[in-house]
N, C-alpha and C. Protein backbone atom coordinates (compact mmCIF):
# COMPACT_ATOMS: atom_id res chain seq x y z
N MET A 1 -76.69 -10.77 -23.20
CA MET A 1 -77.57 -11.58 -22.39
C MET A 1 -78.49 -10.66 -21.60
N ARG A 2 -79.74 -10.99 -21.50
CA ARG A 2 -80.69 -10.18 -20.74
C ARG A 2 -80.36 -10.27 -19.26
N PRO A 3 -80.54 -9.18 -18.52
CA PRO A 3 -80.17 -9.15 -17.11
C PRO A 3 -80.82 -10.22 -16.27
N CYS A 4 -82.03 -10.61 -16.58
CA CYS A 4 -82.72 -11.60 -15.75
C CYS A 4 -83.17 -12.79 -16.58
N HIS A 5 -82.27 -13.31 -17.38
CA HIS A 5 -82.62 -14.45 -18.23
C HIS A 5 -83.09 -15.65 -17.42
N ILE A 6 -82.66 -15.74 -16.16
CA ILE A 6 -83.06 -16.86 -15.31
C ILE A 6 -84.58 -16.92 -15.16
N PHE A 7 -85.24 -15.76 -15.16
CA PHE A 7 -86.70 -15.74 -15.08
C PHE A 7 -87.30 -16.41 -16.32
N LEU A 8 -86.74 -16.13 -17.47
CA LEU A 8 -87.28 -16.66 -18.71
C LEU A 8 -87.20 -18.17 -18.74
N PHE A 9 -86.12 -18.74 -18.18
CA PHE A 9 -85.98 -20.19 -18.14
C PHE A 9 -87.05 -20.83 -17.26
N GLN A 10 -87.61 -20.05 -16.35
CA GLN A 10 -88.63 -20.57 -15.46
C GLN A 10 -90.04 -20.17 -15.89
N GLY A 11 -90.17 -19.62 -17.09
CA GLY A 11 -91.47 -19.29 -17.62
C GLY A 11 -92.03 -17.95 -17.16
N ILE A 12 -91.21 -17.14 -16.53
CA ILE A 12 -91.66 -15.83 -16.07
C ILE A 12 -91.26 -14.81 -17.12
N GLU A 13 -92.22 -14.32 -17.86
CA GLU A 13 -91.91 -13.45 -18.98
C GLU A 13 -92.31 -12.00 -18.76
N ARG A 14 -93.23 -11.74 -17.84
CA ARG A 14 -93.72 -10.37 -17.68
C ARG A 14 -93.37 -9.83 -16.30
N PHE A 15 -92.43 -8.93 -16.28
CA PHE A 15 -92.11 -8.20 -15.07
C PHE A 15 -91.52 -6.87 -15.49
N SER A 16 -91.66 -5.87 -14.65
CA SER A 16 -91.25 -4.53 -15.05
C SER A 16 -90.17 -3.94 -14.17
N ASP A 17 -90.00 -4.46 -12.96
CA ASP A 17 -89.07 -3.89 -11.99
C ASP A 17 -88.23 -4.98 -11.36
N ILE A 18 -87.01 -4.58 -10.98
CA ILE A 18 -86.13 -5.44 -10.21
C ILE A 18 -85.62 -4.63 -9.04
N ALA A 19 -85.79 -5.15 -7.84
CA ALA A 19 -85.23 -4.53 -6.64
C ALA A 19 -84.10 -5.42 -6.16
N ILE A 20 -82.95 -4.82 -5.90
CA ILE A 20 -81.77 -5.58 -5.50
C ILE A 20 -81.16 -4.92 -4.27
N ALA A 21 -80.78 -5.75 -3.30
CA ALA A 21 -80.06 -5.23 -2.13
C ALA A 21 -78.72 -4.71 -2.61
N THR A 22 -78.37 -3.49 -2.22
CA THR A 22 -77.15 -2.85 -2.68
C THR A 22 -76.22 -2.63 -1.49
N GLY A 23 -75.19 -3.46 -1.43
CA GLY A 23 -74.26 -3.39 -0.31
C GLY A 23 -72.91 -2.81 -0.70
N SER A 24 -72.42 -3.17 -1.87
CA SER A 24 -71.16 -2.59 -2.34
C SER A 24 -71.39 -1.79 -3.62
N GLY A 25 -72.45 -2.11 -4.32
CA GLY A 25 -72.78 -1.39 -5.55
C GLY A 25 -72.41 -2.12 -6.81
N GLY A 26 -71.56 -3.12 -6.72
CA GLY A 26 -71.08 -3.83 -7.91
C GLY A 26 -72.17 -4.58 -8.66
N SER A 27 -72.96 -5.36 -7.95
CA SER A 27 -74.03 -6.12 -8.61
C SER A 27 -75.09 -5.19 -9.16
N THR A 28 -75.40 -4.15 -8.42
CA THR A 28 -76.40 -3.18 -8.89
C THR A 28 -75.90 -2.48 -10.14
N ALA A 29 -74.63 -2.10 -10.15
CA ALA A 29 -74.05 -1.46 -11.33
C ALA A 29 -74.12 -2.40 -12.52
N GLY A 30 -73.71 -3.63 -12.34
CA GLY A 30 -73.72 -4.61 -13.42
C GLY A 30 -75.11 -4.86 -13.97
N LEU A 31 -76.07 -5.01 -13.07
CA LEU A 31 -77.46 -5.25 -13.49
C LEU A 31 -78.02 -4.04 -14.24
N ALA A 32 -77.78 -2.85 -13.72
CA ALA A 32 -78.29 -1.64 -14.35
C ALA A 32 -77.65 -1.40 -15.72
N ILE A 33 -76.35 -1.65 -15.82
CA ILE A 33 -75.65 -1.47 -17.09
C ILE A 33 -76.12 -2.50 -18.11
N ALA A 34 -76.26 -3.75 -17.68
CA ALA A 34 -76.76 -4.79 -18.59
C ALA A 34 -78.17 -4.47 -19.06
N ASN A 35 -78.99 -3.98 -18.17
CA ASN A 35 -80.36 -3.59 -18.51
C ASN A 35 -80.34 -2.48 -19.57
N TYR A 36 -79.45 -1.52 -19.38
CA TYR A 36 -79.32 -0.41 -20.34
C TYR A 36 -78.83 -0.91 -21.70
N LEU A 37 -77.77 -1.70 -21.69
CA LEU A 37 -77.16 -2.15 -22.95
C LEU A 37 -78.07 -3.08 -23.75
N THR A 38 -78.87 -3.86 -23.05
CA THR A 38 -79.77 -4.80 -23.75
C THR A 38 -81.12 -4.17 -24.07
N LYS A 39 -81.28 -2.92 -23.64
CA LYS A 39 -82.54 -2.20 -23.88
C LYS A 39 -83.75 -2.97 -23.32
N SER A 40 -83.55 -3.56 -22.16
CA SER A 40 -84.61 -4.35 -21.53
C SER A 40 -85.72 -3.47 -20.95
N ASN A 41 -85.41 -2.21 -20.71
CA ASN A 41 -86.41 -1.25 -20.20
C ASN A 41 -87.02 -1.65 -18.86
N LEU A 42 -86.30 -2.37 -18.05
CA LEU A 42 -86.76 -2.69 -16.71
C LEU A 42 -86.38 -1.53 -15.78
N GLN A 43 -87.12 -1.34 -14.74
CA GLN A 43 -86.77 -0.35 -13.73
C GLN A 43 -85.92 -1.07 -12.68
N ILE A 44 -84.70 -0.61 -12.49
CA ILE A 44 -83.80 -1.21 -11.51
C ILE A 44 -83.81 -0.34 -10.26
N HIS A 45 -84.07 -0.96 -9.11
CA HIS A 45 -84.12 -0.26 -7.83
C HIS A 45 -83.05 -0.84 -6.93
N GLY A 46 -82.05 -0.03 -6.60
CA GLY A 46 -80.99 -0.45 -5.69
C GLY A 46 -81.38 -0.08 -4.27
N MET A 47 -81.70 -1.07 -3.46
CA MET A 47 -82.11 -0.85 -2.08
C MET A 47 -80.85 -0.75 -1.22
N MET A 48 -80.48 0.47 -0.85
CA MET A 48 -79.21 0.71 -0.17
C MET A 48 -79.25 0.22 1.28
N VAL A 49 -78.48 -0.83 1.55
CA VAL A 49 -78.48 -1.42 2.88
C VAL A 49 -77.34 -0.88 3.75
N CYS A 50 -76.53 -0.03 3.18
CA CYS A 50 -75.46 0.62 3.94
C CYS A 50 -75.06 1.88 3.18
N ASP A 51 -74.18 2.64 3.74
CA ASP A 51 -73.69 3.87 3.11
C ASP A 51 -74.85 4.77 2.69
N GLY A 52 -74.65 5.55 1.65
CA GLY A 52 -75.68 6.50 1.24
C GLY A 52 -75.70 6.68 -0.26
N PRO A 53 -76.64 7.49 -0.76
CA PRO A 53 -76.79 7.67 -2.20
C PRO A 53 -75.53 8.14 -2.91
N ARG A 54 -74.80 9.04 -2.30
CA ARG A 54 -73.59 9.59 -2.93
C ARG A 54 -72.56 8.49 -3.19
N TYR A 55 -72.36 7.60 -2.20
CA TYR A 55 -71.40 6.51 -2.35
C TYR A 55 -71.76 5.63 -3.54
N PHE A 56 -73.01 5.20 -3.61
CA PHE A 56 -73.42 4.27 -4.66
C PHE A 56 -73.47 4.96 -6.02
N SER A 57 -73.93 6.17 -6.05
CA SER A 57 -73.97 6.93 -7.30
C SER A 57 -72.55 7.09 -7.85
N ASP A 58 -71.62 7.45 -6.98
CA ASP A 58 -70.22 7.61 -7.40
C ASP A 58 -69.65 6.28 -7.89
N HIS A 59 -69.96 5.20 -7.17
CA HIS A 59 -69.44 3.88 -7.55
C HIS A 59 -69.94 3.47 -8.94
N ILE A 60 -71.23 3.64 -9.18
CA ILE A 60 -71.80 3.28 -10.47
C ILE A 60 -71.27 4.19 -11.57
N ASP A 61 -71.14 5.48 -11.28
CA ASP A 61 -70.56 6.41 -12.25
C ASP A 61 -69.12 6.03 -12.59
N ASP A 62 -68.35 5.62 -11.58
CA ASP A 62 -66.97 5.19 -11.83
C ASP A 62 -66.94 3.97 -12.75
N THR A 63 -67.89 3.07 -12.54
CA THR A 63 -67.97 1.88 -13.40
C THR A 63 -68.31 2.30 -14.83
N LEU A 64 -69.23 3.24 -14.97
CA LEU A 64 -69.58 3.74 -16.31
C LEU A 64 -68.36 4.38 -16.98
N LYS A 65 -67.54 5.07 -16.21
CA LYS A 65 -66.31 5.68 -16.75
C LYS A 65 -65.34 4.60 -17.22
N GLU A 66 -65.20 3.54 -16.40
CA GLU A 66 -64.25 2.47 -16.72
C GLU A 66 -64.60 1.76 -18.02
N ILE A 67 -65.89 1.66 -18.33
CA ILE A 67 -66.28 0.92 -19.54
C ILE A 67 -66.63 1.84 -20.71
N GLY A 68 -66.42 3.15 -20.53
CA GLY A 68 -66.58 4.09 -21.62
C GLY A 68 -67.99 4.61 -21.85
N LEU A 69 -68.94 4.28 -21.00
CA LEU A 69 -70.31 4.78 -21.19
C LEU A 69 -70.51 6.18 -20.62
N TRP A 70 -69.63 6.58 -19.71
CA TRP A 70 -69.74 7.93 -19.13
C TRP A 70 -69.60 8.99 -20.21
N ASP A 71 -68.74 8.71 -21.18
CA ASP A 71 -68.48 9.66 -22.27
C ASP A 71 -69.72 9.91 -23.13
N THR A 72 -70.71 9.03 -23.06
CA THR A 72 -71.93 9.20 -23.83
C THR A 72 -72.94 10.08 -23.10
N GLY A 73 -72.59 10.47 -21.86
CA GLY A 73 -73.50 11.28 -21.06
C GLY A 73 -74.35 10.48 -20.10
N LEU A 74 -74.18 9.16 -20.10
CA LEU A 74 -74.95 8.29 -19.23
C LEU A 74 -74.44 8.40 -17.79
N THR A 75 -75.35 8.52 -16.83
CA THR A 75 -74.98 8.57 -15.42
C THR A 75 -75.79 7.54 -14.65
N SER A 76 -75.40 7.32 -13.42
CA SER A 76 -76.11 6.36 -12.56
C SER A 76 -77.58 6.74 -12.41
N ASN A 77 -77.85 8.02 -12.37
CA ASN A 77 -79.24 8.49 -12.23
C ASN A 77 -80.11 8.07 -13.41
N ASP A 78 -79.50 7.82 -14.56
CA ASP A 78 -80.24 7.42 -15.75
C ASP A 78 -80.62 5.95 -15.75
N ILE A 79 -79.86 5.13 -15.01
CA ILE A 79 -80.05 3.68 -15.14
C ILE A 79 -80.49 2.96 -13.88
N VAL A 80 -80.51 3.65 -12.74
CA VAL A 80 -80.90 2.98 -11.51
C VAL A 80 -81.56 3.96 -10.54
N ASP A 81 -82.55 3.47 -9.84
CA ASP A 81 -83.22 4.23 -8.78
C ASP A 81 -82.62 3.76 -7.46
N LEU A 82 -81.83 4.61 -6.81
CA LEU A 82 -81.22 4.25 -5.53
C LEU A 82 -82.19 4.61 -4.40
N VAL A 83 -82.58 3.61 -3.65
CA VAL A 83 -83.61 3.78 -2.62
C VAL A 83 -82.96 3.80 -1.24
N ASP A 84 -83.12 4.91 -0.54
CA ASP A 84 -82.58 5.06 0.81
C ASP A 84 -83.67 4.74 1.83
N GLY A 85 -83.28 4.58 3.08
CA GLY A 85 -84.25 4.37 4.14
C GLY A 85 -84.63 2.92 4.37
N VAL A 86 -83.88 2.00 3.81
CA VAL A 86 -84.20 0.58 4.02
C VAL A 86 -83.16 -0.13 4.87
N LYS A 87 -82.21 0.63 5.40
CA LYS A 87 -81.17 0.07 6.26
C LYS A 87 -81.78 -0.45 7.54
N GLY A 88 -81.36 -1.62 7.94
CA GLY A 88 -81.78 -2.16 9.22
C GLY A 88 -80.80 -1.80 10.31
N GLN A 89 -80.90 -2.51 11.42
CA GLN A 89 -80.00 -2.26 12.55
C GLN A 89 -78.63 -2.89 12.36
N GLY A 90 -78.53 -3.81 11.44
CA GLY A 90 -77.26 -4.47 11.17
C GLY A 90 -77.50 -5.79 10.47
N TYR A 91 -76.43 -6.37 9.94
CA TYR A 91 -76.56 -7.62 9.21
C TYR A 91 -77.12 -8.71 10.11
N GLY A 92 -78.24 -9.28 9.72
CA GLY A 92 -78.86 -10.35 10.49
C GLY A 92 -79.57 -9.90 11.74
N VAL A 93 -79.72 -8.58 11.94
CA VAL A 93 -80.39 -8.05 13.13
C VAL A 93 -81.70 -7.39 12.68
N SER A 94 -82.82 -7.87 13.19
CA SER A 94 -84.11 -7.33 12.82
C SER A 94 -84.96 -7.05 14.04
N THR A 95 -85.82 -6.06 13.92
CA THR A 95 -86.78 -5.78 14.98
C THR A 95 -88.00 -6.66 14.77
N GLN A 96 -88.83 -6.80 15.78
CA GLN A 96 -90.05 -7.57 15.65
C GLN A 96 -90.97 -6.96 14.58
N GLU A 97 -91.00 -5.63 14.52
CA GLU A 97 -91.82 -4.96 13.51
C GLU A 97 -91.37 -5.33 12.11
N GLU A 98 -90.04 -5.32 11.88
CA GLU A 98 -89.53 -5.69 10.56
C GLU A 98 -89.86 -7.13 10.22
N LEU A 99 -89.73 -8.00 11.19
CA LEU A 99 -90.02 -9.41 10.94
C LEU A 99 -91.49 -9.64 10.62
N GLY A 100 -92.34 -8.87 11.25
CA GLY A 100 -93.77 -9.01 11.00
C GLY A 100 -94.20 -8.32 9.73
N LYS A 101 -93.76 -7.09 9.55
CA LYS A 101 -94.22 -6.27 8.43
C LYS A 101 -93.53 -6.64 7.12
N TYR A 102 -92.26 -6.99 7.19
CA TYR A 102 -91.49 -7.23 5.98
C TYR A 102 -91.01 -8.67 5.85
N SER A 103 -91.65 -9.58 6.51
CA SER A 103 -91.19 -10.97 6.44
C SER A 103 -91.35 -11.48 5.02
N ILE A 104 -90.62 -12.51 4.70
CA ILE A 104 -90.68 -13.07 3.36
C ILE A 104 -92.09 -13.55 3.04
N PHE A 105 -92.81 -13.99 4.05
CA PHE A 105 -94.18 -14.44 3.82
C PHE A 105 -95.09 -13.27 3.44
N THR A 106 -94.89 -12.15 4.10
CA THR A 106 -95.70 -10.96 3.78
C THR A 106 -95.37 -10.46 2.39
N VAL A 107 -94.10 -10.38 2.07
CA VAL A 107 -93.69 -9.91 0.75
C VAL A 107 -94.20 -10.88 -0.32
N ALA A 108 -94.06 -12.17 -0.07
CA ALA A 108 -94.51 -13.17 -1.04
C ALA A 108 -96.02 -13.10 -1.28
N PHE A 109 -96.76 -12.69 -0.27
CA PHE A 109 -98.20 -12.56 -0.41
C PHE A 109 -98.56 -11.49 -1.44
N TYR A 110 -97.78 -10.41 -1.47
CA TYR A 110 -98.06 -9.30 -2.37
C TYR A 110 -97.35 -9.38 -3.71
N LEU A 111 -96.24 -10.06 -3.77
CA LEU A 111 -95.46 -10.16 -5.00
C LEU A 111 -95.44 -11.62 -5.46
N PRO A 112 -95.69 -11.86 -6.73
CA PRO A 112 -95.76 -13.25 -7.19
C PRO A 112 -94.41 -13.95 -7.29
N TYR A 113 -93.31 -13.20 -7.43
CA TYR A 113 -92.01 -13.84 -7.60
C TYR A 113 -90.97 -13.18 -6.72
N LEU A 114 -90.08 -13.99 -6.22
CA LEU A 114 -88.95 -13.50 -5.43
C LEU A 114 -87.67 -14.05 -6.03
N LEU A 115 -86.61 -13.30 -5.92
CA LEU A 115 -85.31 -13.76 -6.39
C LEU A 115 -84.46 -14.08 -5.18
N ASN A 116 -84.02 -15.30 -5.09
CA ASN A 116 -83.16 -15.71 -3.99
C ASN A 116 -81.72 -15.42 -4.38
N PRO A 117 -81.06 -14.48 -3.70
CA PRO A 117 -79.71 -14.09 -4.11
C PRO A 117 -78.67 -15.18 -3.92
N HIS A 118 -78.98 -16.20 -3.13
CA HIS A 118 -77.98 -17.24 -2.89
C HIS A 118 -77.94 -18.27 -4.01
N VAL A 119 -79.06 -18.51 -4.67
CA VAL A 119 -79.08 -19.50 -5.74
C VAL A 119 -79.55 -18.91 -7.06
N LEU A 120 -79.90 -17.62 -7.06
CA LEU A 120 -80.34 -16.93 -8.27
C LEU A 120 -81.46 -17.68 -8.99
N SER A 121 -82.49 -18.02 -8.25
CA SER A 121 -83.64 -18.65 -8.89
C SER A 121 -84.90 -17.93 -8.42
N ALA A 122 -85.88 -17.91 -9.27
CA ALA A 122 -87.15 -17.29 -8.90
C ALA A 122 -88.00 -18.33 -8.19
N SER A 123 -88.74 -17.89 -7.21
CA SER A 123 -89.61 -18.78 -6.45
C SER A 123 -91.01 -18.21 -6.46
N MET A 124 -91.97 -19.06 -6.37
CA MET A 124 -93.35 -18.61 -6.29
C MET A 124 -93.84 -18.73 -4.87
């Protein structure tokens, strides 16, 4: 199954990148591995909201080991771009600057589609 088949059901066929909030690493690992296995050629960006690059890289590498892909030479660096520097002050805590500069309305103005993690649907 393609990593973002939900987009296809909604008529969204052309996209090149997926950015996902990365809190534990599990969803990011799954998405990146599915993208690799299906040869979807999407760029996966894990936006690290806690911890650091080493934690997430190790977690994804451990997942690759568990499913036997590590033995092929595949590493987390090959399948996901881990983005640091996006951590806020805490869960549900935002500064006025963040609310103004990065509000959903501002992001929606520049990007045609958003993925709502609570219902997994694309919105315009």
